[in-house]
Amino acid sequence: MRVPVVRFVFALLALVFAAAIVVQVFLAGMALFVHVGDWSLHRSFINYFEYVPILMFILAFPGRIRGLMRWLGLVLFVLCSLQHITVQLLADVWVLGALHPIIAMLLFMFSAYGVRQSWRWLLLRQDSGTIAA
């Protein structure tokens, strides 16, 4: 696969993941402020995008993506895993369950960073270069 095409897919996945994080936060707000029954939507929606960061991490190698962007997918996947842990194991342990929204903010921050750094790859230009930071 050609490097620009791999980078295009990486950038598209970064954009999809960031949008999914926004939708996930919206679903949490719906459950909190509109109808408690909407928690099931918040709980199940993650299943549709939680492995996107693993694909990003894998694509970083054939895409010749270096630096923090290479490891971004792995960081996002670890944060998703921590989200599961804070809900399933730590929700009733002192204040550790309260880390769940903090990790959500980190997920948004890192996913927005990924979109910002890779947006030009969506143009499939030859001069888009390798991101090293």
N, C-alpha and C. Protein backbone atom coordinates (compact mmCIF):
# COMPACT_ATOMS: atom_id res chain seq x y z
N MET A 1 0.85 -1.18 0.00
CA MET A 1 0.00 0.00 0.00
C MET A 1 0.89 1.24 0.00
N ARG A 2 0.53 2.22 -0.75
CA ARG A 2 1.31 3.44 -0.82
C ARG A 2 1.18 4.25 0.47
N VAL A 3 2.24 4.90 0.85
CA VAL A 3 2.29 5.68 2.09
C VAL A 3 1.19 6.74 2.16
N PRO A 4 0.95 7.54 1.10
CA PRO A 4 -0.12 8.55 1.21
C PRO A 4 -1.50 7.94 1.45
N VAL A 5 -1.76 6.78 0.88
CA VAL A 5 -3.06 6.14 1.09
C VAL A 5 -3.19 5.67 2.54
N VAL A 6 -2.13 5.10 3.08
CA VAL A 6 -2.14 4.65 4.48
C VAL A 6 -2.35 5.85 5.40
N ARG A 7 -1.67 6.93 5.11
CA ARG A 7 -1.82 8.14 5.93
C ARG A 7 -3.23 8.71 5.82
N PHE A 8 -3.82 8.62 4.63
CA PHE A 8 -5.20 9.06 4.44
C PHE A 8 -6.13 8.25 5.36
N VAL A 9 -5.96 6.93 5.36
CA VAL A 9 -6.80 6.07 6.20
C VAL A 9 -6.56 6.38 7.67
N PHE A 10 -5.31 6.59 8.05
CA PHE A 10 -4.97 6.95 9.44
C PHE A 10 -5.70 8.22 9.85
N ALA A 11 -5.61 9.25 9.00
CA ALA A 11 -6.25 10.53 9.31
C ALA A 11 -7.76 10.39 9.37
N LEU A 12 -8.33 9.58 8.49
CA LEU A 12 -9.77 9.34 8.50
C LEU A 12 -10.19 8.64 9.78
N LEU A 13 -9.42 7.66 10.21
CA LEU A 13 -9.71 6.97 11.47
C LEU A 13 -9.58 7.92 12.66
N ALA A 14 -8.59 8.80 12.63
CA ALA A 14 -8.43 9.78 13.70
C ALA A 14 -9.65 10.69 13.78
N LEU A 15 -10.15 11.11 12.63
CA LEU A 15 -11.33 11.96 12.57
C LEU A 15 -12.58 11.22 13.07
N VAL A 16 -12.74 10.00 12.64
CA VAL A 16 -13.89 9.18 13.08
C VAL A 16 -13.83 8.97 14.59
N PHE A 17 -12.64 8.67 15.10
CA PHE A 17 -12.51 8.43 16.54
C PHE A 17 -12.83 9.69 17.34
N ALA A 18 -12.34 10.83 16.91
CA ALA A 18 -12.62 12.08 17.62
C ALA A 18 -14.12 12.38 17.60
N ALA A 19 -14.76 12.17 16.46
CA ALA A 19 -16.21 12.38 16.38
C ALA A 19 -16.95 11.42 17.29
N ALA A 20 -16.48 10.18 17.36
CA ALA A 20 -17.12 9.19 18.23
C ALA A 20 -16.99 9.58 19.70
N ILE A 21 -15.87 10.17 20.08
CA ILE A 21 -15.71 10.64 21.46
C ILE A 21 -16.73 11.72 21.77
N VAL A 22 -16.94 12.64 20.84
CA VAL A 22 -17.93 13.71 21.04
C VAL A 22 -19.32 13.10 21.18
N VAL A 23 -19.66 12.14 20.34
CA VAL A 23 -20.97 11.48 20.43
C VAL A 23 -21.10 10.75 21.76
N GLN A 24 -20.04 10.10 22.19
CA GLN A 24 -20.07 9.36 23.46
C GLN A 24 -20.34 10.31 24.64
N VAL A 25 -19.72 11.46 24.64
CA VAL A 25 -19.95 12.44 25.70
C VAL A 25 -21.39 12.96 25.61
N PHE A 26 -21.87 13.18 24.39
CA PHE A 26 -23.26 13.61 24.21
C PHE A 26 -24.23 12.57 24.78
N LEU A 27 -23.97 11.30 24.53
CA LEU A 27 -24.83 10.24 25.05
C LEU A 27 -24.81 10.19 26.58
N ALA A 28 -23.65 10.45 27.16
CA ALA A 28 -23.57 10.52 28.63
C ALA A 28 -24.40 11.68 29.14
N GLY A 29 -24.33 12.82 28.46
CA GLY A 29 -25.13 13.98 28.85
C GLY A 29 -26.62 13.70 28.71
N MET A 30 -27.00 12.99 27.66
CA MET A 30 -28.41 12.62 27.48
C MET A 30 -28.88 11.77 28.66
N ALA A 31 -28.06 10.81 29.06
CA ALA A 31 -28.43 9.93 30.16
C ALA A 31 -28.49 10.68 31.48
N LEU A 32 -27.61 11.63 31.65
CA LEU A 32 -27.54 12.37 32.90
C LEU A 32 -28.62 13.43 33.01
N PHE A 33 -28.91 14.12 31.92
CA PHE A 33 -29.81 15.26 31.99
C PHE A 33 -31.19 15.06 31.38
N VAL A 34 -31.36 14.04 30.54
CA VAL A 34 -32.64 13.86 29.86
C VAL A 34 -33.39 12.62 30.35
N HIS A 35 -32.77 11.46 30.14
CA HIS A 35 -33.46 10.22 30.51
C HIS A 35 -32.44 9.19 30.97
N VAL A 36 -32.61 8.67 32.17
CA VAL A 36 -31.66 7.73 32.75
C VAL A 36 -31.53 6.46 31.91
N GLY A 37 -32.58 6.10 31.20
CA GLY A 37 -32.54 4.91 30.36
C GLY A 37 -31.55 4.99 29.22
N ASP A 38 -31.06 6.19 28.93
CA ASP A 38 -30.09 6.36 27.84
C ASP A 38 -28.69 5.90 28.20
N TRP A 39 -28.47 5.46 29.44
CA TRP A 39 -27.14 4.96 29.81
C TRP A 39 -26.77 3.75 28.97
N SER A 40 -27.77 2.96 28.56
CA SER A 40 -27.46 1.78 27.74
C SER A 40 -26.85 2.20 26.40
N LEU A 41 -27.29 3.33 25.85
CA LEU A 41 -26.69 3.83 24.61
C LEU A 41 -25.23 4.22 24.84
N HIS A 42 -24.99 4.90 25.95
CA HIS A 42 -23.62 5.31 26.28
C HIS A 42 -22.73 4.08 26.48
N ARG A 43 -23.25 3.06 27.17
CA ARG A 43 -22.47 1.85 27.43
C ARG A 43 -22.20 1.05 26.17
N SER A 44 -23.14 0.99 25.26
CA SER A 44 -22.96 0.14 24.09
C SER A 44 -22.25 0.83 22.93
N PHE A 45 -22.30 2.15 22.85
CA PHE A 45 -21.72 2.86 21.72
C PHE A 45 -20.21 2.64 21.62
N ILE A 46 -19.54 2.50 22.74
CA ILE A 46 -18.09 2.30 22.74
C ILE A 46 -17.69 1.08 21.93
N ASN A 47 -18.56 0.07 21.90
CA ASN A 47 -18.25 -1.17 21.18
C ASN A 47 -18.05 -0.94 19.68
N TYR A 48 -18.55 0.16 19.16
CA TYR A 48 -18.42 0.44 17.74
C TYR A 48 -17.10 1.09 17.35
N PHE A 49 -16.40 1.65 18.32
CA PHE A 49 -15.18 2.38 17.94
C PHE A 49 -13.98 2.15 18.85
N GLU A 50 -14.07 1.30 19.85
CA GLU A 50 -12.97 1.18 20.80
C GLU A 50 -11.70 0.58 20.21
N TYR A 51 -11.80 -0.14 19.09
CA TYR A 51 -10.61 -0.74 18.48
C TYR A 51 -10.03 0.09 17.33
N VAL A 52 -10.64 1.21 17.03
CA VAL A 52 -10.11 2.11 16.00
C VAL A 52 -8.67 2.53 16.32
N PRO A 53 -8.35 2.86 17.57
CA PRO A 53 -6.96 3.25 17.87
C PRO A 53 -5.93 2.16 17.58
N ILE A 54 -6.32 0.89 17.74
CA ILE A 54 -5.39 -0.20 17.42
C ILE A 54 -5.08 -0.20 15.92
N LEU A 55 -6.11 0.02 15.11
CA LEU A 55 -5.89 0.13 13.66
C LEU A 55 -4.98 1.31 13.34
N MET A 56 -5.17 2.42 14.04
CA MET A 56 -4.31 3.58 13.83
C MET A 56 -2.85 3.24 14.17
N PHE A 57 -2.66 2.55 15.28
CA PHE A 57 -1.31 2.18 15.70
C PHE A 57 -0.65 1.28 14.66
N ILE A 58 -1.39 0.31 14.15
CA ILE A 58 -0.85 -0.61 13.15
C ILE A 58 -0.51 0.15 11.86
N LEU A 59 -1.40 1.05 11.43
CA LEU A 59 -1.18 1.81 10.20
C LEU A 59 -0.02 2.80 10.29
N ALA A 60 0.35 3.17 11.52
CA ALA A 60 1.44 4.13 11.68
C ALA A 60 2.76 3.60 11.14
N PHE A 61 2.93 2.29 11.14
CA PHE A 61 4.20 1.71 10.66
C PHE A 61 4.30 1.71 9.13
N PRO A 62 3.33 1.13 8.40
CA PRO A 62 3.44 1.23 6.93
C PRO A 62 3.25 2.66 6.42
N GLY A 63 2.63 3.52 7.24
CA GLY A 63 2.46 4.91 6.85
C GLY A 63 3.67 5.78 7.14
N ARG A 64 4.69 5.16 7.71
CA ARG A 64 5.94 5.86 8.07
C ARG A 64 5.66 7.09 8.93
N ILE A 65 4.76 6.92 9.88
CA ILE A 65 4.42 8.00 10.80
C ILE A 65 5.32 7.87 12.02
N ARG A 66 5.96 8.95 12.38
CA ARG A 66 6.97 8.91 13.44
C ARG A 66 6.53 9.75 14.65
N GLY A 67 7.32 9.64 15.71
CA GLY A 67 7.11 10.45 16.91
C GLY A 67 5.84 10.09 17.65
N LEU A 68 5.27 11.09 18.29
CA LEU A 68 4.06 10.89 19.10
C LEU A 68 2.90 10.35 18.27
N MET A 69 2.81 10.77 17.02
CA MET A 69 1.72 10.30 16.17
C MET A 69 1.78 8.80 15.95
N ARG A 70 2.96 8.22 15.95
CA ARG A 70 3.08 6.77 15.82
C ARG A 70 2.43 6.08 17.00
N TRP A 71 2.60 6.63 18.18
CA TRP A 71 2.13 6.00 19.40
C TRP A 71 0.75 6.47 19.81
N LEU A 72 0.17 7.39 19.07
CA LEU A 72 -1.13 7.96 19.42
C LEU A 72 -2.21 6.88 19.53
N GLY A 73 -2.27 5.97 18.59
CA GLY A 73 -3.27 4.92 18.64
C GLY A 73 -3.17 4.07 19.89
N LEU A 74 -1.94 3.76 20.26
CA LEU A 74 -1.73 2.96 21.47
C LEU A 74 -2.16 3.73 22.72
N VAL A 75 -1.84 5.01 22.77
CA VAL A 75 -2.25 5.86 23.90
C VAL A 75 -3.77 5.92 24.00
N LEU A 76 -4.44 6.11 22.86
CA LEU A 76 -5.90 6.17 22.86
C LEU A 76 -6.52 4.85 23.29
N PHE A 77 -5.92 3.74 22.86
CA PHE A 77 -6.45 2.44 23.26
C PHE A 77 -6.28 2.21 24.76
N VAL A 78 -5.14 2.60 25.31
CA VAL A 78 -4.92 2.46 26.75
C VAL A 78 -5.94 3.31 27.52
N LEU A 79 -6.19 4.52 27.04
CA LEU A 79 -7.18 5.38 27.71
C LEU A 79 -8.58 4.77 27.63
N CYS A 80 -8.92 4.16 26.49
CA CYS A 80 -10.22 3.47 26.38
C CYS A 80 -10.29 2.32 27.38
N SER A 81 -9.20 1.59 27.50
CA SER A 81 -9.16 0.48 28.46
C SER A 81 -9.31 0.99 29.89
N LEU A 82 -8.68 2.12 30.20
CA LEU A 82 -8.83 2.72 31.53
C LEU A 82 -10.28 3.15 31.78
N GLN A 83 -10.98 3.56 30.73
CA GLN A 83 -12.40 3.90 30.87
C GLN A 83 -13.18 2.68 31.33
N HIS A 84 -12.92 1.54 30.72
CA HIS A 84 -13.59 0.30 31.13
C HIS A 84 -13.26 -0.04 32.59
N ILE A 85 -11.99 0.13 32.94
CA ILE A 85 -11.56 -0.21 34.31
C ILE A 85 -12.23 0.71 35.33
N THR A 86 -12.32 2.00 35.03
CA THR A 86 -12.92 2.92 36.01
C THR A 86 -14.40 2.62 36.22
N VAL A 87 -15.07 2.09 35.23
CA VAL A 87 -16.49 1.78 35.36
C VAL A 87 -16.69 0.42 36.00
N GLN A 88 -15.96 -0.58 35.55
CA GLN A 88 -16.20 -1.96 35.98
C GLN A 88 -15.53 -2.32 37.29
N LEU A 89 -14.37 -1.77 37.55
CA LEU A 89 -13.63 -2.18 38.75
C LEU A 89 -13.49 -1.10 39.80
N LEU A 90 -13.43 0.15 39.39
CA LEU A 90 -13.10 1.21 40.34
C LEU A 90 -14.27 2.14 40.66
N ALA A 91 -15.45 1.87 40.12
CA ALA A 91 -16.58 2.78 40.31
C ALA A 91 -16.93 2.98 41.79
N ASP A 92 -16.74 1.96 42.59
CA ASP A 92 -17.09 2.05 44.01
C ASP A 92 -15.88 2.19 44.92
N VAL A 93 -14.71 2.40 44.37
CA VAL A 93 -13.49 2.51 45.15
C VAL A 93 -13.14 3.98 45.34
N TRP A 94 -13.46 4.49 46.51
CA TRP A 94 -13.15 5.85 46.91
C TRP A 94 -13.50 6.81 45.79
N VAL A 95 -12.57 7.61 45.30
CA VAL A 95 -12.87 8.59 44.25
C VAL A 95 -12.36 8.14 42.88
N LEU A 96 -11.88 6.91 42.78
CA LEU A 96 -11.27 6.46 41.53
C LEU A 96 -12.27 6.39 40.38
N GLY A 97 -13.54 6.14 40.67
CA GLY A 97 -14.56 6.15 39.62
C GLY A 97 -14.72 7.52 38.98
N ALA A 98 -14.37 8.55 39.74
CA ALA A 98 -14.48 9.92 39.23
C ALA A 98 -13.40 10.23 38.18
N LEU A 99 -12.47 9.31 37.99
CA LEU A 99 -11.47 9.49 36.94
C LEU A 99 -12.09 9.29 35.55
N HIS A 100 -13.25 8.65 35.49
CA HIS A 100 -13.90 8.37 34.21
C HIS A 100 -14.08 9.62 33.35
N PRO A 101 -14.66 10.70 33.86
CA PRO A 101 -14.78 11.90 33.01
C PRO A 101 -13.44 12.58 32.72
N ILE A 102 -12.48 12.43 33.63
CA ILE A 102 -11.15 13.01 33.39
C ILE A 102 -10.48 12.28 32.21
N ILE A 103 -10.60 10.96 32.21
CA ILE A 103 -10.03 10.19 31.11
C ILE A 103 -10.76 10.51 29.81
N ALA A 104 -12.06 10.77 29.89
CA ALA A 104 -12.81 11.18 28.69
C ALA A 104 -12.25 12.47 28.12
N MET A 105 -11.89 13.40 28.99
CA MET A 105 -11.29 14.66 28.51
C MET A 105 -9.93 14.39 27.86
N LEU A 106 -9.15 13.48 28.44
CA LEU A 106 -7.86 13.13 27.83
C LEU A 106 -8.06 12.47 26.47
N LEU A 107 -9.07 11.61 26.38
CA LEU A 107 -9.38 10.98 25.10
C LEU A 107 -9.71 12.03 24.04
N PHE A 108 -10.51 13.01 24.42
CA PHE A 108 -10.84 14.06 23.47
C PHE A 108 -9.61 14.88 23.10
N MET A 109 -8.80 15.21 24.09
CA MET A 109 -7.62 16.03 23.84
C MET A 109 -6.66 15.32 22.88
N PHE A 110 -6.36 14.05 23.15
CA PHE A 110 -5.44 13.32 22.29
C PHE A 110 -6.04 13.04 20.91
N SER A 111 -7.33 12.76 20.85
CA SER A 111 -7.93 12.52 19.54
C SER A 111 -7.98 13.81 18.72
N ALA A 112 -8.25 14.95 19.36
CA ALA A 112 -8.22 16.23 18.65
C ALA A 112 -6.81 16.54 18.16
N TYR A 113 -5.82 16.22 18.96
CA TYR A 113 -4.43 16.38 18.55
C TYR A 113 -4.13 15.55 17.30
N GLY A 114 -4.61 14.32 17.30
CA GLY A 114 -4.41 13.45 16.15
C GLY A 114 -5.05 13.99 14.89
N VAL A 115 -6.24 14.53 15.02
CA VAL A 115 -6.93 15.12 13.86
C VAL A 115 -6.16 16.34 13.38
N ARG A 116 -5.75 17.16 14.31
CA ARG A 116 -5.04 18.39 13.94
C ARG A 116 -3.72 18.10 13.23
N GLN A 117 -3.03 17.07 13.70
CA GLN A 117 -1.73 16.75 13.11
C GLN A 117 -1.85 16.01 11.77
N SER A 118 -2.97 15.34 11.54
CA SER A 118 -3.07 14.50 10.35
C SER A 118 -4.07 15.00 9.32
N TRP A 119 -4.72 16.11 9.54
CA TRP A 119 -5.78 16.57 8.64
C TRP A 119 -5.29 16.74 7.21
N ARG A 120 -4.04 17.19 7.03
CA ARG A 120 -3.55 17.43 5.67
C ARG A 120 -3.38 16.13 4.89
N TRP A 121 -3.26 15.00 5.58
CA TRP A 121 -3.17 13.72 4.88
C TRP A 121 -4.49 13.36 4.19
N LEU A 122 -5.58 13.98 4.64
CA LEU A 122 -6.86 13.73 4.00
C LEU A 122 -6.89 14.30 2.58
N LEU A 123 -5.98 15.22 2.28
CA LEU A 123 -5.91 15.83 0.96
C LEU A 123 -5.13 14.98 -0.04
N LEU A 124 -4.46 13.93 0.46
CA LEU A 124 -3.63 13.03 -0.35
C LEU A 124 -2.59 13.78 -1.18
N ARG A 125 -1.98 14.77 -0.58
CA ARG A 125 -0.93 15.52 -1.25
C ARG A 125 0.40 14.81 -1.08
N GLN A 126 1.26 14.94 -2.04
CA GLN A 126 2.59 14.35 -1.96
C GLN A 126 3.49 15.11 -1.00
N ASP A 127 3.21 16.42 -0.79
CA ASP A 127 4.08 17.25 0.03
C ASP A 127 3.67 17.28 1.50
N SER A 128 2.83 16.34 1.94
CA SER A 128 2.33 16.39 3.32
C SER A 128 3.37 15.95 4.33
N GLY A 129 4.44 15.30 3.92
CA GLY A 129 5.57 15.04 4.80
C GLY A 129 5.28 14.10 5.97
N THR A 130 6.32 13.82 6.74
CA THR A 130 6.23 12.97 7.91
C THR A 130 6.16 13.83 9.15
N ILE A 131 5.22 13.55 9.99
CA ILE A 131 5.11 14.29 11.25
C ILE A 131 6.03 13.63 12.25
N ALA A 132 6.88 14.41 12.87
CA ALA A 132 7.84 13.86 13.81
C ALA A 132 7.52 14.24 15.24
N ALA A 133 6.51 15.03 15.46
CA ALA A 133 6.21 15.45 16.84
C ALA A 133 4.92 14.86 17.31
